[in-house]
Amino acid sequence: IVDALFGTGFSGAVREPLAEAIRAVNDADVQAVVAIDVPSGLDCETGEVTNVAVKADATITFVAVKRGFESGAASGYLGEIVVVDIGTPPSVIDRAITTTSDG
């Protein structure tokens, strides 16, 4: 199963019917669940799950590991993390890191 329901802008609770879809993914007897960029339902800034999130076997994320991935709360949802380079210039990444670390 490939999970791409929500992306990095997601926060808060997953509403129905998508919450039920996520529960179905988590209960499915499949070989693997792969999340694209962030498991749906996981807040990538905090690593928190409000009500339900995809439990991925692997997360393919872009540019860099998201801040919330380092939270202990996120560990049960991420699986193996694979960072993919999409050609973002290093200056843009450096500026984003500086901006977020400054508050």
PDB file of N, CA and C in Angstrom:
ATOM      1  N   ILE A   1       0.858  -1.172   0.000  1.00  0.00           N
ATOM      2  CA  ILE A   1       0.000   0.000   0.000  1.00  0.00           C
ATOM      3  C   ILE A   1       0.900   1.230   0.000  1.00  0.00           C
ATOM      4  N   VAL A   2       0.569   2.203  -0.836  1.00  0.00           N
ATOM      5  CA  VAL A   2       1.273   3.478  -0.861  1.00  0.00           C
ATOM      6  C   VAL A   2       0.370   4.522  -0.219  1.00  0.00           C
ATOM      7  N   ASP A   3       0.872   5.149   0.832  1.00  0.00           N
ATOM      8  CA  ASP A   3       0.133   6.171   1.563  1.00  0.00           C
ATOM      9  C   ASP A   3       0.597   7.548   1.109  1.00  0.00           C
ATOM     10  N   ALA A   4      -0.334   8.296   0.542  1.00  0.00           N
ATOM     11  CA  ALA A   4      -0.064   9.681   0.157  1.00  0.00           C
ATOM     12  C   ALA A   4      -1.307  10.535   0.395  1.00  0.00           C
ATOM     13  N   LEU A   5      -2.055  10.217   1.453  1.00  0.00           N
ATOM     14  CA  LEU A   5      -3.290  10.946   1.744  1.00  0.00           C
ATOM     15  C   LEU A   5      -3.015  12.381   2.180  1.00  0.00           C
ATOM     16  N   PHE A   6      -2.084  12.562   3.117  1.00  0.00           N
ATOM     17  CA  PHE A   6      -1.745  13.879   3.642  1.00  0.00           C
ATOM     18  C   PHE A   6      -0.250  14.094   3.507  1.00  0.00           C
ATOM     19  N   GLY A   7       0.157  15.358   3.465  1.00  0.00           N
ATOM     20  CA  GLY A   7       1.574  15.683   3.346  1.00  0.00           C
ATOM     21  C   GLY A   7       2.081  16.450   4.542  1.00  0.00           C
ATOM     22  N   THR A   8       3.143  17.205   4.324  1.00  0.00           N
ATOM     23  CA  THR A   8       3.820  17.889   5.419  1.00  0.00           C
ATOM     24  C   THR A   8       2.995  18.999   6.045  1.00  0.00           C
ATOM     25  N   GLY A   9       1.982  19.495   5.383  1.00  0.00           N
ATOM     26  CA  GLY A   9       1.166  20.569   5.941  1.00  0.00           C
ATOM     27  C   GLY A   9       0.088  20.096   6.896  1.00  0.00           C
ATOM     28  N   PHE A  10      -0.027  18.781   7.076  1.00  0.00           N
ATOM     29  CA  PHE A  10      -1.095  18.247   7.921  1.00  0.00           C
ATOM     30  C   PHE A  10      -0.820  18.499   9.402  1.00  0.00           C
ATOM     31  N   SER A  11      -1.888  18.859  10.125  1.00  0.00           N
ATOM     32  CA  SER A  11      -1.840  18.896  11.590  1.00  0.00           C
ATOM     33  C   SER A  11      -3.265  18.722  12.089  1.00  0.00           C
ATOM     34  N   GLY A  12      -3.403  18.299  13.331  1.00  0.00           N
ATOM     35  CA  GLY A  12      -4.725  18.119  13.913  1.00  0.00           C
ATOM     36  C   GLY A  12      -5.212  16.688  13.804  1.00  0.00           C
ATOM     37  N   ALA A  13      -6.518  16.537  13.866  1.00  0.00           N
ATOM     38  CA  ALA A  13      -7.136  15.208  13.831  1.00  0.00           C
ATOM     39  C   ALA A  13      -7.544  14.848  12.404  1.00  0.00           C
ATOM     40  N   VAL A  14      -7.440  13.577  12.090  1.00  0.00           N
ATOM     41  CA  VAL A  14      -7.912  13.064  10.807  1.00  0.00           C
ATOM     42  C   VAL A  14      -9.423  12.857  10.932  1.00  0.00           C
ATOM     43  N   ARG A  15     -10.163  13.422  10.008  1.00  0.00           N
ATOM     44  CA  ARG A  15     -11.619  13.286  10.029  1.00  0.00           C
ATOM     45  C   ARG A  15     -12.056  12.096   9.179  1.00  0.00           C
ATOM     46  N   GLU A  16     -13.259  11.619   9.472  1.00  0.00           N
ATOM     47  CA  GLU A  16     -13.869  10.562   8.671  1.00  0.00           C
ATOM     48  C   GLU A  16     -14.208  11.126   7.297  1.00  0.00           C
ATOM     49  N   PRO A  17     -14.185  10.367   6.259  1.00  0.00           N
ATOM     50  CA  PRO A  17     -13.959   8.927   6.184  1.00  0.00           C
ATOM     51  C   PRO A  17     -12.477   8.544   6.092  1.00  0.00           C
ATOM     52  N   LEU A  18     -11.582   9.544   6.087  1.00  0.00           N
ATOM     53  CA  LEU A  18     -10.161   9.223   5.947  1.00  0.00           C
ATOM     54  C   LEU A  18      -9.598   8.535   7.189  1.00  0.00           C
ATOM     55  N   ALA A  19     -10.132   8.829   8.354  1.00  0.00           N
ATOM     56  CA  ALA A  19      -9.672   8.133   9.562  1.00  0.00           C
ATOM     57  C   ALA A  19      -9.954   6.638   9.436  1.00  0.00           C
ATOM     58  N   GLU A  20     -11.119   6.287   8.916  1.00  0.00           N
ATOM     59  CA  GLU A  20     -11.455   4.869   8.707  1.00  0.00           C
ATOM     60  C   GLU A  20     -10.545   4.246   7.658  1.00  0.00           C
ATOM     61  N   ALA A  21     -10.215   4.994   6.623  1.00  0.00           N
ATOM     62  CA  ALA A  21      -9.300   4.481   5.593  1.00  0.00           C
ATOM     63  C   ALA A  21      -7.926   4.184   6.194  1.00  0.00           C
ATOM     64  N   ILE A  22      -7.447   5.055   7.073  1.00  0.00           N
ATOM     65  CA  ILE A  22      -6.153   4.833   7.730  1.00  0.00           C
ATOM     66  C   ILE A  22      -6.217   3.610   8.639  1.00  0.00           C
ATOM     67  N   ARG A  23      -7.305   3.455   9.377  1.00  0.00           N
ATOM     68  CA  ARG A  23      -7.443   2.257  10.213  1.00  0.00           C
ATOM     69  C   ARG A  23      -7.437   0.993   9.348  1.00  0.00           C
ATOM     70  N   ALA A  24      -8.072   1.054   8.195  1.00  0.00           N
ATOM     71  CA  ALA A  24      -8.092  -0.097   7.279  1.00  0.00           C
ATOM     72  C   ALA A  24      -6.693  -0.412   6.762  1.00  0.00           C
ATOM     73  N   VAL A  25      -5.916   0.609   6.443  1.00  0.00           N
ATOM     74  CA  VAL A  25      -4.529   0.401   6.008  1.00  0.00           C
ATOM     75  C   VAL A  25      -3.746  -0.281   7.125  1.00  0.00           C
ATOM     76  N   ASN A  26      -3.894   0.219   8.348  1.00  0.00           N
ATOM     77  CA  ASN A  26      -3.149  -0.350   9.481  1.00  0.00           C
ATOM     78  C   ASN A  26      -3.546  -1.789   9.781  1.00  0.00           C
ATOM     79  N   ASP A  27      -4.784  -2.153   9.477  1.00  0.00           N
ATOM     80  CA  ASP A  27      -5.273  -3.515   9.733  1.00  0.00           C
ATOM     81  C   ASP A  27      -5.070  -4.460   8.552  1.00  0.00           C
ATOM     82  N   ALA A  28      -4.659  -3.927   7.412  1.00  0.00           N
ATOM     83  CA  ALA A  28      -4.539  -4.737   6.194  1.00  0.00           C
ATOM     84  C   ALA A  28      -3.405  -5.749   6.306  1.00  0.00           C
ATOM     85  N   ASP A  29      -3.643  -6.919   5.774  1.00  0.00           N
ATOM     86  CA  ASP A  29      -2.627  -7.974   5.725  1.00  0.00           C
ATOM     87  C   ASP A  29      -1.909  -7.856   4.388  1.00  0.00           C
ATOM     88  N   VAL A  30      -0.910  -6.961   4.346  1.00  0.00           N
ATOM     89  CA  VAL A  30      -0.175  -6.683   3.110  1.00  0.00           C
ATOM     90  C   VAL A  30       1.317  -6.854   3.345  1.00  0.00           C
ATOM     91  N   GLN A  31       2.038  -6.941   2.260  1.00  0.00           N
ATOM     92  CA  GLN A  31       3.481  -7.119   2.366  1.00  0.00           C
ATOM     93  C   GLN A  31       4.164  -5.884   2.938  1.00  0.00           C
ATOM     94  N   ALA A  32       3.722  -4.687   2.527  1.00  0.00           N
ATOM     95  CA  ALA A  32       4.368  -3.469   3.019  1.00  0.00           C
ATOM     96  C   ALA A  32       3.455  -2.264   2.842  1.00  0.00           C
ATOM     97  N   VAL A  33       3.644  -1.289   3.739  1.00  0.00           N
ATOM     98  CA  VAL A  33       2.999   0.012   3.633  1.00  0.00           C
ATOM     99  C   VAL A  33       4.118   1.039   3.524  1.00  0.00           C
ATOM    100  N   VAL A  34       4.068   1.843   2.453  1.00  0.00           N
ATOM    101  CA  VAL A  34       5.088   2.857   2.217  1.00  0.00           C
ATOM    102  C   VAL A  34       4.425   4.224   2.228  1.00  0.00           C
ATOM    103  N   ALA A  35       4.893   5.105   3.108  1.00  0.00           N
ATOM    104  CA  ALA A  35       4.373   6.469   3.189  1.00  0.00           C
ATOM    105  C   ALA A  35       5.225   7.381   2.316  1.00  0.00           C
ATOM    106  N   ILE A  36       4.565   8.269   1.611  1.00  0.00           N
ATOM    107  CA  ILE A  36       5.259   9.252   0.791  1.00  0.00           C
ATOM    108  C   ILE A  36       5.360  10.560   1.566  1.00  0.00           C
ATOM    109  N   ASP A  37       6.556  10.982   1.847  1.00  0.00           N
ATOM    110  CA  ASP A  37       6.975  12.175   2.565  1.00  0.00           C
ATOM    111  C   ASP A  37       6.720  12.109   4.068  1.00  0.00           C
ATOM    112  N   VAL A  38       5.524  11.733   4.482  1.00  0.00           N
ATOM    113  CA  VAL A  38       5.200  11.617   5.913  1.00  0.00           C
ATOM    114  C   VAL A  38       4.001  10.678   6.042  1.00  0.00           C
ATOM    115  N   PRO A  39       3.986   9.792   7.023  1.00  0.00           N
ATOM    116  CA  PRO A  39       2.805   8.954   7.204  1.00  0.00           C
ATOM    117  C   PRO A  39       1.568   9.826   7.462  1.00  0.00           C
ATOM    118  N   SER A  40       0.486   9.569   6.743  1.00  0.00           N
ATOM    119  CA  SER A  40      -0.726  10.366   6.900  1.00  0.00           C
ATOM    120  C   SER A  40      -1.226  10.297   8.331  1.00  0.00           C
ATOM    121  N   GLY A  41      -1.511  11.486   8.884  1.00  0.00           N
ATOM    122  CA  GLY A  41      -1.984  11.594  10.263  1.00  0.00           C
ATOM    123  C   GLY A  41      -0.894  11.987  11.240  1.00  0.00           C
ATOM    124  N   LEU A  42       0.365  11.926  10.814  1.00  0.00           N
ATOM    125  CA  LEU A  42       1.495  12.294  11.670  1.00  0.00           C
ATOM    126  C   LEU A  42       1.853  13.751  11.411  1.00  0.00           C
ATOM    127  N   ASP A  43       1.959  14.547  12.462  1.00  0.00           N
ATOM    128  CA  ASP A  43       2.389  15.937  12.333  1.00  0.00           C
ATOM    129  C   ASP A  43       3.910  15.930  12.182  1.00  0.00           C
ATOM    130  N   CYS A  44       4.401  16.348  11.020  1.00  0.00           N
ATOM    131  CA  CYS A  44       5.848  16.230  10.766  1.00  0.00           C
ATOM    132  C   CYS A  44       6.676  17.235  11.560  1.00  0.00           C
ATOM    133  N   GLU A  45       6.044  18.250  12.118  1.00  0.00           N
ATOM    134  CA  GLU A  45       6.776  19.215  12.947  1.00  0.00           C
ATOM    135  C   GLU A  45       6.967  18.712  14.372  1.00  0.00           C
ATOM    136  N   THR A  46       5.954  18.023  14.908  1.00  0.00           N
ATOM    137  CA  THR A  46       6.003  17.592  16.306  1.00  0.00           C
ATOM    138  C   THR A  46       6.199  16.088  16.479  1.00  0.00           C
ATOM    139  N   GLY A  47       5.835  15.316  15.455  1.00  0.00           N
ATOM    140  CA  GLY A  47       5.887  13.863  15.562  1.00  0.00           C
ATOM    141  C   GLY A  47       4.679  13.284  16.273  1.00  0.00           C
ATOM    142  N   GLU A  48       3.708  14.117  16.587  1.00  0.00           N
ATOM    143  CA  GLU A  48       2.526  13.691  17.329  1.00  0.00           C
ATOM    144  C   GLU A  48       1.423  13.190  16.400  1.00  0.00           C
ATOM    145  N   VAL A  49       0.603  12.307  16.941  1.00  0.00           N
ATOM    146  CA  VAL A  49      -0.585  11.794  16.264  1.00  0.00           C
ATOM    147  C   VAL A  49      -1.770  12.153  17.144  1.00  0.00           C
ATOM    148  N   THR A  50      -2.742  12.882  16.584  1.00  0.00           N
ATOM    149  CA  THR A  50      -3.898  13.292  17.379  1.00  0.00           C
ATOM    150  C   THR A  50      -4.864  12.139  17.599  1.00  0.00           C
ATOM    151  N   ASN A  51      -5.234  11.441  16.522  1.00  0.00           N
ATOM    152  CA  ASN A  51      -6.181  10.342  16.699  1.00  0.00           C
ATOM    153  C   ASN A  51      -5.780   9.075  15.952  1.00  0.00           C
ATOM    154  N   VAL A  52      -5.304   9.176  14.733  1.00  0.00           N
ATOM    155  CA  VAL A  52      -4.935   8.001  13.957  1.00  0.00           C
ATOM    156  C   VAL A  52      -3.898   8.408  12.913  1.00  0.00           C
ATOM    157  N   ALA A  53      -2.968   7.497  12.620  1.00  0.00           N
ATOM    158  CA  ALA A  53      -1.968   7.737  11.583  1.00  0.00           C
ATOM    159  C   ALA A  53      -1.568   6.407  10.971  1.00  0.00           C
ATOM    160  N   VAL A  54      -1.106   6.472   9.742  1.00  0.00           N
ATOM    161  CA  VAL A  54      -0.624   5.282   9.049  1.00  0.00           C
ATOM    162  C   VAL A  54       0.635   4.782   9.749  1.00  0.00           C
ATOM    163  N   LYS A  55       0.695   3.472   9.957  1.00  0.00           N
ATOM    164  CA  LYS A  55       1.894   2.833  10.496  1.00  0.00           C
ATOM    165  C   LYS A  55       2.648   2.246   9.304  1.00  0.00           C
ATOM    166  N   ALA A  56       3.633   2.985   8.839  1.00  0.00           N
ATOM    167  CA  ALA A  56       4.367   2.615   7.631  1.00  0.00           C
ATOM    168  C   ALA A  56       5.518   1.661   7.933  1.00  0.00           C
ATOM    169  N   ASP A  57       5.817   0.812   6.973  1.00  0.00           N
ATOM    170  CA  ASP A  57       7.015  -0.017   7.046  1.00  0.00           C
ATOM    171  C   ASP A  57       8.224   0.766   6.558  1.00  0.00           C
ATOM    172  N   ALA A  58       7.963   1.772   5.705  1.00  0.00           N
ATOM    173  CA  ALA A  58       9.012   2.658   5.207  1.00  0.00           C
ATOM    174  C   ALA A  58       8.383   4.004   4.884  1.00  0.00           C
ATOM    175  N   THR A  59       9.157   5.063   5.103  1.00  0.00           N
ATOM    176  CA  THR A  59       8.730   6.413   4.742  1.00  0.00           C
ATOM    177  C   THR A  59       9.765   6.972   3.790  1.00  0.00           C
ATOM    178  N   ILE A  60       9.318   7.311   2.592  1.00  0.00           N
ATOM    179  CA  ILE A  60      10.195   7.948   1.608  1.00  0.00           C
ATOM    180  C   ILE A  60       9.919   9.439   1.709  1.00  0.00           C
ATOM    181  N   THR A  61      10.899  10.168   2.228  1.00  0.00           N
ATOM    182  CA  THR A  61      10.721  11.598   2.457  1.00  0.00           C
ATOM    183  C   THR A  61      11.684  12.382   1.581  1.00  0.00           C
ATOM    184  N   PHE A  62      11.382  13.638   1.368  1.00  0.00           N
ATOM    185  CA  PHE A  62      12.125  14.448   0.412  1.00  0.00           C
ATOM    186  C   PHE A  62      12.977  15.504   1.100  1.00  0.00           C
ATOM    187  N   VAL A  63      14.147  15.739   0.560  1.00  0.00           N
ATOM    188  CA  VAL A  63      15.100  16.779   0.946  1.00  0.00           C
ATOM    189  C   VAL A  63      15.832  16.444   2.242  1.00  0.00           C
ATOM    190  N   ALA A  64      15.089  16.245   3.342  1.00  0.00           N
ATOM    191  CA  ALA A  64      15.727  15.995   4.641  1.00  0.00           C
ATOM    192  C   ALA A  64      14.731  15.320   5.571  1.00  0.00           C
ATOM    193  N   VAL A  65      15.248  14.729   6.638  1.00  0.00           N
ATOM    194  CA  VAL A  65      14.397  14.153   7.674  1.00  0.00           C
ATOM    195  C   VAL A  65      13.624  15.298   8.325  1.00  0.00           C
ATOM    196  N   LYS A  66      12.329  15.118   8.494  1.00  0.00           N
ATOM    197  CA  LYS A  66      11.496  16.151   9.086  1.00  0.00           C
ATOM    198  C   LYS A  66      11.735  16.230  10.591  1.00  0.00           C
ATOM    199  N   ARG A  67      11.556  17.404  11.149  1.00  0.00           N
ATOM    200  CA  ARG A  67      11.814  17.661  12.572  1.00  0.00           C
ATOM    201  C   ARG A  67      11.091  16.661  13.479  1.00  0.00           C
ATOM    202  N   GLY A  68       9.829  16.414  13.222  1.00  0.00           N
ATOM    203  CA  GLY A  68       9.031  15.534  14.071  1.00  0.00           C
ATOM    204  C   GLY A  68       9.434  14.076  14.008  1.00  0.00           C
ATOM    205  N   PHE A  69      10.182  13.681  12.972  1.00  0.00           N
ATOM    206  CA  PHE A  69      10.609  12.284  12.846  1.00  0.00           C
ATOM    207  C   PHE A  69      11.528  11.879  13.985  1.00  0.00           C
ATOM    208  N   GLU A  70      12.172  12.844  14.612  1.00  0.00           N
ATOM    209  CA  GLU A  70      13.101  12.555  15.690  1.00  0.00           C
ATOM    210  C   GLU A  70      12.405  12.398  17.042  1.00  0.00           C
ATOM    211  N   SER A  71      11.106  12.637  17.067  1.00  0.00           N
ATOM    212  CA  SER A  71      10.312  12.483  18.286  1.00  0.00           C
ATOM    213  C   SER A  71      10.081  11.007  18.558  1.00  0.00           C
ATOM    214  N   GLY A  72      10.156  10.632  19.809  1.00  0.00           N
ATOM    215  CA  GLY A  72       9.884   9.244  20.177  1.00  0.00           C
ATOM    216  C   GLY A  72       8.477   8.818  19.811  1.00  0.00           C
ATOM    217  N   ALA A  73       7.534   9.764  19.827  1.00  0.00           N
ATOM    218  CA  ALA A  73       6.145   9.463  19.482  1.00  0.00           C
ATOM    219  C   ALA A  73       6.003   9.022  18.030  1.00  0.00           C
ATOM    220  N   ALA A  74       6.868   9.491  17.149  1.00  0.00           N
ATOM    221  CA  ALA A  74       6.769   9.193  15.723  1.00  0.00           C
ATOM    222  C   ALA A  74       7.343   7.831  15.354  1.00  0.00           C
ATOM    223  N   SER A  75       8.188   7.282  16.193  1.00  0.00           N
ATOM    224  CA  SER A  75       8.943   6.081  15.819  1.00  0.00           C
ATOM    225  C   SER A  75       8.075   4.889  15.428  1.00  0.00           C
ATOM    226  N   GLY A  76       6.910   4.738  15.997  1.00  0.00           N
ATOM    227  CA  GLY A  76       6.044   3.610  15.676  1.00  0.00           C
ATOM    228  C   GLY A  76       5.297   3.748  14.360  1.00  0.00           C
ATOM    229  N   TYR A  77       5.463   4.877  13.687  1.00  0.00           N
ATOM    230  CA  TYR A  77       4.722   5.150  12.459  1.00  0.00           C
ATOM    231  C   TYR A  77       5.609   5.252  11.220  1.00  0.00           C
ATOM    232  N   LEU A  78       6.887   5.449  11.381  1.00  0.00           N
ATOM    233  CA  LEU A  78       7.772   5.774  10.260  1.00  0.00           C
ATOM    234  C   LEU A  78       8.354   4.577   9.524  1.00  0.00           C
ATOM    235  N   GLY A  79       8.659   3.508  10.224  1.00  0.00           N
ATOM    236  CA  GLY A  79       9.401   2.413   9.609  1.00  0.00           C
ATOM    237  C   GLY A  79      10.785   2.903   9.200  1.00  0.00           C
ATOM    238  N   GLU A  80      11.336   2.304   8.162  1.00  0.00           N
ATOM    239  CA  GLU A  80      12.635   2.743   7.646  1.00  0.00           C
ATOM    240  C   GLU A  80      12.457   4.084   6.944  1.00  0.00           C
ATOM    241  N   ILE A  81      13.314   5.041   7.255  1.00  0.00           N
ATOM    242  CA  ILE A  81      13.239   6.365   6.629  1.00  0.00           C
ATOM    243  C   ILE A  81      14.254   6.425   5.493  1.00  0.00           C
ATOM    244  N   VAL A  82      13.768   6.787   4.310  1.00  0.00           N
ATOM    245  CA  VAL A  82      14.622   6.946   3.134  1.00  0.00           C
ATOM    246  C   VAL A  82      14.477   8.393   2.672  1.00  0.00           C
ATOM    247  N   VAL A  83      15.587   9.135   2.656  1.00  0.00           N
ATOM    248  CA  VAL A  83      15.571  10.525   2.215  1.00  0.00           C
ATOM    249  C   VAL A  83      15.963  10.568   0.738  1.00  0.00           C
ATOM    250  N   VAL A  84      15.121  11.224  -0.064  1.00  0.00           N
ATOM    251  CA  VAL A  84      15.339  11.309  -1.504  1.00  0.00           C
ATOM    252  C   VAL A  84      15.675  12.753  -1.871  1.00  0.00           C
ATOM    253  N   ASP A  85      16.743  12.912  -2.624  1.00  0.00           N
ATOM    254  CA  ASP A  85      17.141  14.223  -3.126  1.00  0.00           C
ATOM    255  C   ASP A  85      16.260  14.571  -4.320  1.00  0.00           C
ATOM    256  N   ILE A  86      15.606  15.734  -4.251  1.00  0.00           N
ATOM    257  CA  ILE A  86      14.784  16.169  -5.379  1.00  0.00           C
ATOM    258  C   ILE A  86      15.373  17.416  -6.043  1.00  0.00           C
ATOM    259  N   GLY A  87      16.642  17.668  -5.785  1.00  0.00           N
ATOM    260  CA  GLY A  87      17.333  18.760  -6.456  1.00  0.00           C
ATOM    261  C   GLY A  87      17.193  20.116  -5.792  1.00  0.00           C
ATOM    262  N   THR A  88      16.789  20.146  -4.541  1.00  0.00           N
ATOM    263  CA  THR A  88      16.669  21.414  -3.827  1.00  0.00           C
ATOM    264  C   THR A  88      18.063  21.990  -3.607  1.00  0.00           C
ATOM    265  N   PRO A  89      18.280  23.246  -4.005  1.00  0.00           N
ATOM    266  CA  PRO A  89      19.604  23.848  -3.821  1.00  0.00           C
ATOM    267  C   PRO A  89      19.997  23.899  -2.346  1.00  0.00           C
ATOM    268  N   PRO A  90      21.240  23.594  -2.028  1.00  0.00           N
ATOM    269  CA  PRO A  90      21.691  23.629  -0.625  1.00  0.00           C
ATOM    270  C   PRO A  90      21.424  24.954   0.070  1.00  0.00           C
ATOM    271  N   SER A  91      21.478  26.070  -0.649  1.00  0.00           N
ATOM    272  CA  SER A  91      21.223  27.374  -0.023  1.00  0.00           C
ATOM    273  C   SER A  91      19.796  27.468   0.505  1.00  0.00           C
ATOM    274  N   VAL A  92      18.840  26.850  -0.193  1.00  0.00           N
ATOM    275  CA  VAL A  92      17.452  26.866   0.258  1.00  0.00           C
ATOM    276  C   VAL A  92      17.302  26.017   1.524  1.00  0.00           C
ATOM    277  N   ILE A  93      17.968  24.872   1.553  1.00  0.00           N
ATOM    278  CA  ILE A  93      17.920  24.005   2.731  1.00  0.00           C
ATOM    279  C   ILE A  93      18.553  24.708   3.923  1.00  0.00           C
ATOM    280  N   ASP A  94      19.715  25.324   3.717  1.00  0.00           N
ATOM    281  CA  ASP A  94      20.386  26.049   4.800  1.00  0.00           C
ATOM    282  C   ASP A  94      19.509  27.169   5.341  1.00  0.00           C
ATOM    283  N   ARG A  95      18.845  27.900   4.442  1.00  0.00           N
ATOM    284  CA  ARG A  95      17.974  29.002   4.863  1.00  0.00           C
ATOM    285  C   ARG A  95      16.789  28.465   5.668  1.00  0.00           C
ATOM    286  N   ALA A  96      16.212  27.344   5.250  1.00  0.00           N
ATOM    287  CA  ALA A  96      15.083  26.751   5.970  1.00  0.00           C
ATOM    288  C   ALA A  96      15.496  26.287   7.354  1.00  0.00           C
ATOM    289  N   ILE A  97      16.674  25.670   7.451  1.00  0.00           N
ATOM    290  CA  ILE A  97      17.163  25.207   8.747  1.00  0.00           C
ATOM    291  C   ILE A  97      17.414  26.383   9.673  1.00  0.00           C
ATOM    292  N   THR A  98      18.025  27.428   9.155  1.00  0.00           N
ATOM    293  CA  THR A  98      18.300  28.619   9.956  1.00  0.00           C
ATOM    294  C   THR A  98      17.013  29.280  10.426  1.00  0.00           C
ATOM    295  N   THR A  99      16.034  29.379   9.541  1.00  0.00           N
ATOM    296  CA  THR A  99      14.753  30.014   9.877  1.00  0.00           C
ATOM    297  C   THR A  99      14.019  29.218  10.947  1.00  0.00           C
ATOM    298  N   THR A 100      13.958  27.896  10.818  1.00  0.00           N
ATOM    299  CA  THR A 100      13.223  27.092  11.787  1.00  0.00           C
ATOM    300  C   THR A 100      13.958  26.999  13.123  1.00  0.00           C
ATOM    301  N   SER A 101      15.263  27.041  13.107  1.00  0.00           N
ATOM    302  CA  SER A 101      15.982  26.948  14.382  1.00  0.00           C
ATOM    303  C   SER A 101      15.957  28.267  15.130  1.00  0.00           C
ATOM    304  N   ASP A 102      15.692  29.373  14.430  1.00  0.00           N
ATOM    305  CA  ASP A 102      15.591  30.684  15.070  1.00  0.00           C
ATOM    306  C   ASP A 102      14.211  30.913  15.674  1.00  0.00           C
ATOM    307  N   GLY A 103      13.286  30.037  15.398  1.00  0.00           N
ATOM    308  CA  GLY A 103      11.955  30.169  15.977  1.00  0.00           C
ATOM    309  C   GLY A 103      10.971  30.468  14.922  1.00  0.00           C
TER     310      GLY A 103
END
